[in-house]
Protein backbone atom coordinates (compact mmCIF):
# COMPACT_ATOMS: atom_id res chain seq x y z
CA UNK A 1 151.91 114.67 142.78
CA UNK A 2 153.11 113.96 139.53
CA UNK A 3 152.61 109.98 139.02
CA UNK A 4 154.25 109.50 135.54
CA UNK A 5 157.75 108.09 135.57
CA UNK A 6 160.69 109.68 135.71
CA UNK A 7 162.69 109.31 132.90
CA UNK A 8 166.05 109.97 134.69
CA UNK A 9 164.74 107.60 137.07
CA UNK A 10 164.23 104.87 134.59
CA UNK A 11 168.31 105.22 133.45
CA UNK A 12 169.32 104.63 137.28
CA UNK A 13 167.05 101.68 137.20
CA UNK A 14 168.78 100.28 133.75
CA UNK A 15 172.13 100.56 135.84
CA UNK A 16 172.89 97.82 138.29
CA UNK A 17 175.41 100.89 140.70
CA UNK A 18 173.03 102.96 142.91
CA UNK A 19 173.39 105.97 143.02
CA UNK A 20 176.11 107.16 145.12
CA UNK A 21 175.30 111.16 144.38
CA UNK A 22 172.26 110.27 146.85
CA UNK A 23 171.90 111.46 150.67
CA UNK A 24 171.02 107.79 151.34
CA UNK A 25 173.83 105.98 149.72
CA UNK A 26 176.64 108.53 151.00
CA UNK A 27 174.53 107.67 154.63
CA UNK A 28 174.94 103.14 153.75
CA UNK A 29 178.75 104.22 152.54
CA UNK A 30 179.61 106.05 156.42
CA UNK A 31 177.92 103.62 158.07
CA UNK A 32 179.83 100.57 156.07
CA UNK A 33 183.25 102.27 156.55
CA UNK A 34 182.83 102.52 160.12
CA UNK A 35 181.71 98.88 160.91
CA UNK A 36 184.49 97.84 158.62
CA UNK A 37 187.09 99.85 160.67
CA UNK A 38 185.78 98.24 163.48
CA UNK A 39 186.19 94.79 162.52
CA UNK A 40 189.74 95.47 160.46
CA UNK A 41 191.12 96.95 164.43
CA UNK A 42 189.57 94.75 166.57
CA UNK A 43 191.42 91.87 164.57
CA UNK A 44 194.85 93.19 164.78
CA UNK A 45 194.69 95.81 167.80
CA UNK A 46 195.27 94.58 171.62
CA UNK A 47 192.70 96.13 173.93
CA UNK A 48 194.11 99.42 175.14
CA UNK A 49 195.00 102.97 174.19
CA UNK A 50 196.70 101.27 171.24
CA UNK A 51 192.78 100.10 170.50
CA UNK A 52 191.67 103.49 170.16
CA UNK A 53 194.70 104.84 168.34
CA UNK A 54 194.39 102.35 165.83
CA UNK A 55 190.84 102.52 165.57
CA UNK A 56 190.66 106.23 165.25
CA UNK A 57 193.56 106.04 162.43
CA UNK A 58 191.59 103.40 160.59
CA UNK A 59 188.13 105.04 160.81
CA UNK A 60 190.05 107.78 159.07
CA UNK A 61 191.09 106.35 156.47
CA UNK A 62 188.13 104.44 155.96
CA UNK A 63 185.64 106.82 155.72
CA UNK A 64 188.24 108.68 153.63
CA UNK A 65 188.63 105.84 151.09
CA UNK A 66 184.24 105.11 151.20
CA UNK A 67 183.77 108.93 150.67
CA UNK A 68 186.50 109.02 148.00
CA UNK A 69 185.03 106.09 146.28
CA UNK A 70 181.97 106.73 146.41
CA UNK A 71 182.65 110.31 144.69
CA UNK A 72 184.04 109.10 142.06
CA UNK A 73 181.63 106.52 141.17
CA UNK A 74 178.92 109.41 141.34
CA UNK A 75 181.04 111.76 139.05
CA UNK A 76 181.65 108.67 136.53
CA UNK A 77 178.45 107.27 136.82
CA UNK A 78 177.16 108.66 133.31
CA UNK A 79 180.23 106.97 131.55
CA UNK A 80 179.66 103.72 133.22
CA UNK A 81 176.26 103.34 132.22
CA UNK A 82 176.75 103.60 128.56
CA UNK A 83 178.88 100.34 128.89
CA UNK A 84 177.74 96.94 129.18
CA UNK A 85 177.52 95.80 132.78
CA UNK A 86 180.52 93.18 132.41
CA UNK A 87 182.61 96.50 131.36
CA UNK A 88 180.47 98.90 134.01
CA UNK A 89 181.88 96.58 136.46
CA UNK A 90 185.38 96.09 135.28
CA UNK A 91 185.96 99.75 134.94
CA UNK A 92 184.40 99.90 138.45
CA UNK A 93 186.72 97.76 140.16
CA UNK A 94 189.59 98.94 138.75
CA UNK A 95 188.24 102.62 139.57
CA UNK A 96 188.33 101.67 143.05
CA UNK A 97 191.37 100.00 143.46
CA UNK A 98 193.24 103.16 141.84
CA UNK A 99 191.69 105.65 144.69
CA UNK A 100 192.53 102.36 147.32
CA UNK A 101 196.24 103.07 146.04
CA UNK A 102 196.48 106.65 145.85
CA UNK A 103 194.87 107.25 149.17
CA UNK A 104 196.98 104.68 150.84
CA UNK A 105 200.07 106.11 149.40
CA UNK A 106 198.63 110.03 150.69
CA UNK A 107 198.42 108.39 154.13
CA UNK A 108 201.53 106.56 154.57
CA UNK A 109 203.93 109.86 153.53
CA UNK A 110 201.43 112.65 154.85
CA UNK A 111 199.41 110.89 157.78
CA UNK A 112 201.06 108.88 159.33
CA UNK A 113 203.87 109.53 162.02
CA UNK A 114 207.25 107.79 162.19
CA UNK A 115 206.67 105.33 164.89
CA UNK A 116 203.38 104.34 163.00
CA UNK A 117 204.99 103.98 159.63
CA UNK A 118 207.42 101.55 161.31
CA UNK A 119 204.48 99.64 163.21
CA UNK A 120 202.71 98.86 159.93
CA UNK A 121 205.04 97.22 158.52
CA UNK A 122 206.68 98.80 155.92
CA UNK A 123 205.89 101.17 153.02
CA UNK A 124 205.40 98.12 150.49
CA UNK A 125 203.25 95.88 153.24
CA UNK A 126 201.11 98.83 154.49
CA UNK A 127 200.03 99.52 150.59
CA UNK A 128 199.75 95.47 149.69
CA UNK A 129 197.79 95.39 152.84
CA UNK A 130 194.98 98.40 151.90
CA UNK A 131 195.23 97.11 148.83
CA UNK A 132 193.97 93.53 149.57
CA UNK A 133 191.19 94.34 151.87
CA UNK A 134 190.05 96.59 149.24
CA UNK A 135 190.34 94.38 146.78
CA UNK A 136 188.01 92.08 148.45
CA UNK A 137 185.20 94.33 149.68
CA UNK A 138 184.92 96.64 146.59
CA UNK A 139 184.52 93.11 144.77
CA UNK A 140 182.12 91.75 147.42
CA UNK A 141 180.09 95.29 147.39
CA UNK A 142 180.00 94.93 143.35
CA UNK A 143 178.80 91.51 143.11
CA UNK A 144 176.14 92.17 145.75
CA UNK A 145 174.65 95.41 143.70
CA UNK A 146 174.59 93.22 140.11
CA UNK A 147 172.82 90.49 142.23
CA UNK A 148 170.37 92.68 143.80
CA UNK A 149 169.57 94.95 140.24
CA UNK A 150 169.33 91.44 138.35
CA UNK A 151 166.58 90.49 140.97
CA UNK A 152 164.60 93.51 140.76
CA UNK A 153 164.69 93.26 137.07
CA UNK A 154 163.54 90.13 137.19
CA UNK A 155 160.85 91.43 139.47
CA UNK A 156 159.98 94.37 137.71
CA UNK A 157 159.89 92.17 134.68
CA UNK A 158 157.61 89.69 136.40
CA UNK A 159 154.97 92.43 137.38
CA UNK A 160 155.03 93.76 133.68
CA UNK A 161 154.08 90.19 132.45
CA UNK A 162 151.69 89.38 135.14
CA UNK A 163 150.25 93.07 134.62
CA UNK A 164 149.70 92.55 130.58
CA UNK A 165 148.39 89.00 131.16
CA UNK A 166 145.24 90.61 133.70
CA UNK A 167 144.81 93.92 131.21
CA UNK A 168 144.48 91.18 128.24
CA UNK A 169 141.68 89.84 130.26
CA UNK A 170 139.53 92.99 130.85
CA UNK A 171 136.55 92.83 127.90
CA UNK A 172 133.03 94.09 128.73
CA UNK A 173 130.34 91.61 128.97
CA UNK A 174 128.24 93.75 127.27
CA UNK A 175 130.03 93.22 123.78
CA UNK A 176 127.58 90.95 121.99
CA UNK A 177 124.69 92.56 123.63
CA UNK A 178 125.55 96.11 122.20
CA UNK A 179 126.69 94.48 118.49
CA UNK A 180 123.29 93.50 118.91
CA UNK A 181 121.41 96.66 119.75
CA UNK A 182 123.71 98.79 117.53
CA UNK A 183 122.12 96.48 114.67
CA UNK A 184 118.64 97.17 115.55
CA UNK A 185 119.66 100.92 115.76
CA UNK A 186 120.93 100.98 112.23
CA UNK A 187 117.61 101.43 110.47
CA UNK A 188 115.33 103.25 112.93
CA UNK A 189 118.07 105.37 114.17
CA UNK A 190 121.00 105.73 112.27
CA UNK A 191 122.48 108.70 114.48
CA UNK A 192 122.53 106.90 117.75
CA UNK A 193 123.83 103.59 116.05
CA UNK A 194 126.89 105.96 114.69
CA UNK A 195 127.20 107.40 118.80
CA UNK A 196 126.89 103.69 119.79
CA UNK A 197 129.80 102.81 117.66
CA UNK A 198 132.19 105.32 118.72
CA UNK A 199 131.21 104.49 122.25
CA UNK A 200 131.57 101.27 121.77
CA UNK A 201 135.46 101.86 120.11
CA UNK A 202 136.00 104.25 123.25
CA UNK A 203 135.50 101.83 125.59
CA UNK A 204 137.18 98.83 123.95
CA UNK A 205 140.19 101.12 123.10
CA UNK A 206 141.07 102.26 126.65
CA UNK A 207 140.88 98.17 127.29
CA UNK A 208 143.52 97.82 124.89
CA UNK A 209 145.88 100.21 126.38
CA UNK A 210 148.80 100.88 128.35
CA UNK A 211 147.19 100.20 131.80
CA UNK A 212 150.47 100.51 133.51
CA UNK A 213 150.16 104.27 132.96
CA UNK A 214 147.64 106.23 135.64
CA UNK A 215 145.17 108.49 134.17
CA UNK A 216 142.73 111.73 135.10
CA UNK A 217 139.91 110.69 137.04
CA UNK A 218 137.67 112.30 134.72
CA UNK A 219 138.83 110.10 131.57
CA UNK A 220 137.83 107.36 133.44
CA UNK A 221 134.28 109.18 134.55
CA UNK A 222 133.91 109.91 130.83
CA UNK A 223 134.62 106.43 129.99
CA UNK A 224 132.17 105.37 132.32
CA UNK A 225 129.17 107.38 131.42
CA UNK A 226 129.92 106.21 127.64
CA UNK A 227 129.37 102.64 128.86
CA UNK A 228 126.33 103.72 130.35
CA UNK A 229 125.18 105.56 127.41
CA UNK A 230 125.57 101.68 125.89
CA UNK A 231 123.65 100.38 128.56
CA UNK A 232 120.67 102.40 128.28
CA UNK A 233 120.44 101.59 124.58
CA UNK A 234 119.67 98.32 125.47
CA UNK A 235 117.97 98.64 128.82
CA UNK A 236 115.97 101.25 127.99
CA UNK A 237 113.87 102.42 131.79
CA UNK A 238 115.05 99.31 133.29
CA UNK A 239 118.33 101.20 134.12
CA UNK A 240 118.30 104.33 136.44
CA UNK A 241 121.48 106.13 137.35
CA UNK A 242 122.12 108.55 140.50
CA UNK A 243 125.80 110.32 139.97
CA UNK A 244 127.30 111.97 143.33
CA UNK A 245 130.57 112.54 141.48
CA UNK A 246 130.60 116.49 141.78
CA UNK A 247 132.62 116.93 144.70
CA UNK A 248 135.73 114.61 143.52
CA UNK A 249 138.90 115.64 142.07
CA UNK A 250 138.82 115.58 138.13
CA UNK A 251 142.69 115.54 138.34
CA UNK A 252 142.76 112.18 141.07
CA UNK A 253 145.37 109.86 138.99
CA UNK A 254 143.42 106.00 138.56
CA UNK A 255 144.31 102.81 136.70
CA UNK A 256 142.25 102.97 133.61
CA UNK A 257 139.50 100.67 133.73
CA UNK A 258 138.79 100.87 137.70
CA UNK A 259 134.99 102.52 138.11
CA UNK A 260 133.64 101.48 134.99
CA UNK A 261 133.96 97.11 135.52
CA UNK A 262 132.55 98.21 138.76
CA UNK A 263 129.38 99.55 136.98
CA UNK A 264 129.39 96.88 134.78
CA UNK A 265 129.15 94.26 137.69
CA UNK A 266 126.30 96.35 139.11
CA UNK A 267 124.22 95.87 135.89
CA UNK A 268 125.11 92.78 134.84
CA UNK A 269 124.56 91.12 138.42
CA UNK A 270 121.75 93.53 139.72
CA UNK A 271 120.11 95.40 137.15
CA UNK A 272 119.64 92.58 134.62
CA UNK A 273 118.51 90.33 137.17
CA UNK A 274 115.49 92.45 138.31
CA UNK A 275 112.19 92.53 135.95
CA UNK A 276 111.85 96.16 136.71
CA UNK A 277 115.73 97.11 136.65
CA UNK A 278 116.40 99.24 139.43
CA UNK A 279 119.17 102.17 140.15
CA UNK A 280 122.75 102.23 140.04
CA UNK A 281 124.13 104.56 142.30
CA UNK A 282 127.82 105.83 141.22
CA UNK A 283 129.25 108.30 143.82
CA UNK A 284 132.93 109.22 145.47
CA UNK A 285 134.50 112.05 148.10
CA UNK A 286 137.88 112.99 149.05
CA UNK A 287 138.25 111.73 152.96
CA UNK A 288 141.75 113.47 153.75
CA UNK A 289 144.82 112.12 151.27
CA UNK A 290 142.60 109.16 150.09
CA UNK A 291 139.97 109.71 146.92
CA UNK A 292 137.01 106.95 147.54
CA UNK A 293 134.61 105.92 144.90
CA UNK A 294 131.47 103.78 145.47
CA UNK A 295 129.08 101.48 143.30
CA UNK A 296 125.64 100.35 144.98
CA UNK A 297 123.13 98.34 142.72
CA UNK A 298 120.26 96.50 144.31
CA UNK A 299 120.25 93.06 144.63
CA UNK A 300 117.77 90.16 143.41
CA UNK A 301 116.38 88.34 146.75
CA UNK A 302 116.40 84.50 146.83
CA UNK A 303 117.67 84.65 142.92
CA UNK A 304 120.33 82.70 141.82
CA UNK A 305 123.99 84.86 141.73
CA UNK A 306 126.01 84.94 138.15
CA UNK A 307 129.68 83.58 138.81
CA UNK A 308 132.08 86.20 137.44
CA UNK A 309 131.77 88.82 140.30
CA UNK A 310 134.51 87.77 142.11
CA UNK A 311 136.51 87.64 139.23
CA UNK A 312 136.60 91.01 138.23
CA UNK A 313 137.02 92.20 141.60
CA UNK A 314 139.75 90.07 142.04
CA UNK A 315 141.27 91.53 138.85
CA UNK A 316 140.99 95.26 139.80
CA UNK A 317 142.54 94.31 142.98
CA UNK A 318 145.58 93.06 141.36
CA UNK A 319 145.54 95.98 139.42
CA UNK A 320 145.64 98.80 142.51
CA UNK A 321 148.36 96.73 144.05
CA UNK A 322 150.22 96.94 140.99
CA UNK A 323 150.00 100.61 141.32
CA UNK A 324 149.46 101.28 144.83
CA UNK A 325 150.87 98.38 146.66
CA UNK A 326 148.52 97.87 149.84
CA UNK A 327 147.29 101.84 150.26
CA UNK A 328 144.81 100.72 147.72
CA UNK A 329 141.57 98.84 148.87
CA UNK A 330 138.51 97.20 147.26
CA UNK A 331 136.01 96.22 149.64
CA UNK A 332 132.26 94.45 149.16
CA UNK A 333 129.46 94.26 151.04
CA UNK A 334 126.07 93.23 150.87
CA UNK A 335 123.29 94.92 153.08
CA UNK A 336 119.42 95.21 152.74
CA UNK A 337 119.16 94.09 149.41
CA UNK A 338 121.92 96.18 147.96
CA UNK A 339 125.53 95.14 146.80
CA UNK A 340 128.15 98.15 147.28
CA UNK A 341 131.68 98.27 146.52
CA UNK A 342 133.98 101.22 147.83
CA UNK A 343 137.53 101.82 146.11
CA UNK A 344 139.31 103.62 148.33
CA UNK A 345 143.31 104.37 146.86
CA UNK A 346 145.63 107.26 147.69
CA UNK A 347 144.93 110.67 146.39
CA UNK A 348 148.07 112.03 143.62
CA UNK A 349 147.28 114.42 140.62
CA UNK A 350 148.07 113.06 137.40
CA UNK A 351 149.79 114.72 134.66
């Protein structure tokens, strides 16, 4: 399932009118038209056979008007979208009133028989009544579409601003240690120092990138390995790694910097606290339609825990919620001298 945004969907989101070419919108028009038909019939017809006759004719006209108006807005959607919201609303309003006027004339001359024409109060009253009802309903509908669209745009803008703030907070803790390591390697091993600088630049490039786009899992794993290369230069034999990711789909879509910060926490809060170091285990599997990643590190029994772990986990949780909502879960547990973080998210293929 591709995760990249659809350009046509983005264009639709920028316009306040819904897409009346879709089945869902057509169904809503049918239901609302029938509801208005019931309301109008109950307001003017007496109980009995006349009620059902009036309801049948009113329903026919309302469905005819609703579907024809939806078809007109569907056909003119591209042209309306090129106008400003105010101009598009005025043109749409006039288009709907024109549809109601034409349908009222057709109904009067070709559908209503002589008896019903007389009961409608005359041609002018019939048309004016339909126009008045159509004007009110159309104005309310267009106002609702506009307010809903503005509210949705505000929510999107707030989400993007919030996400940008979250993304700006992602900075590897090991920056200064890495710079010291690179400085020490500059004279003794220039080739390794150059490779370390490239790894560090890749990490910060990912940190400063557009986190709203999902990336393949293969890229996140490669970034994590680059980070671990940097930490291995600093920690040496104290840092031992155990990879169990061969069975993972490399094309799975994942937010950037989802796995690497978990590994960073495992080193910062676990390995660095142990004199003899320890093993960071990175594993994962595909469980049905869910991608599961785990990071495990040893704990320093009785040692003082460093601050900041919960902030990092909350940061990742919020970014996962931005992309997947409640379908993504990040859990952490401590048991038997080990700290384990599990990341579960829906499996989707990245483009």
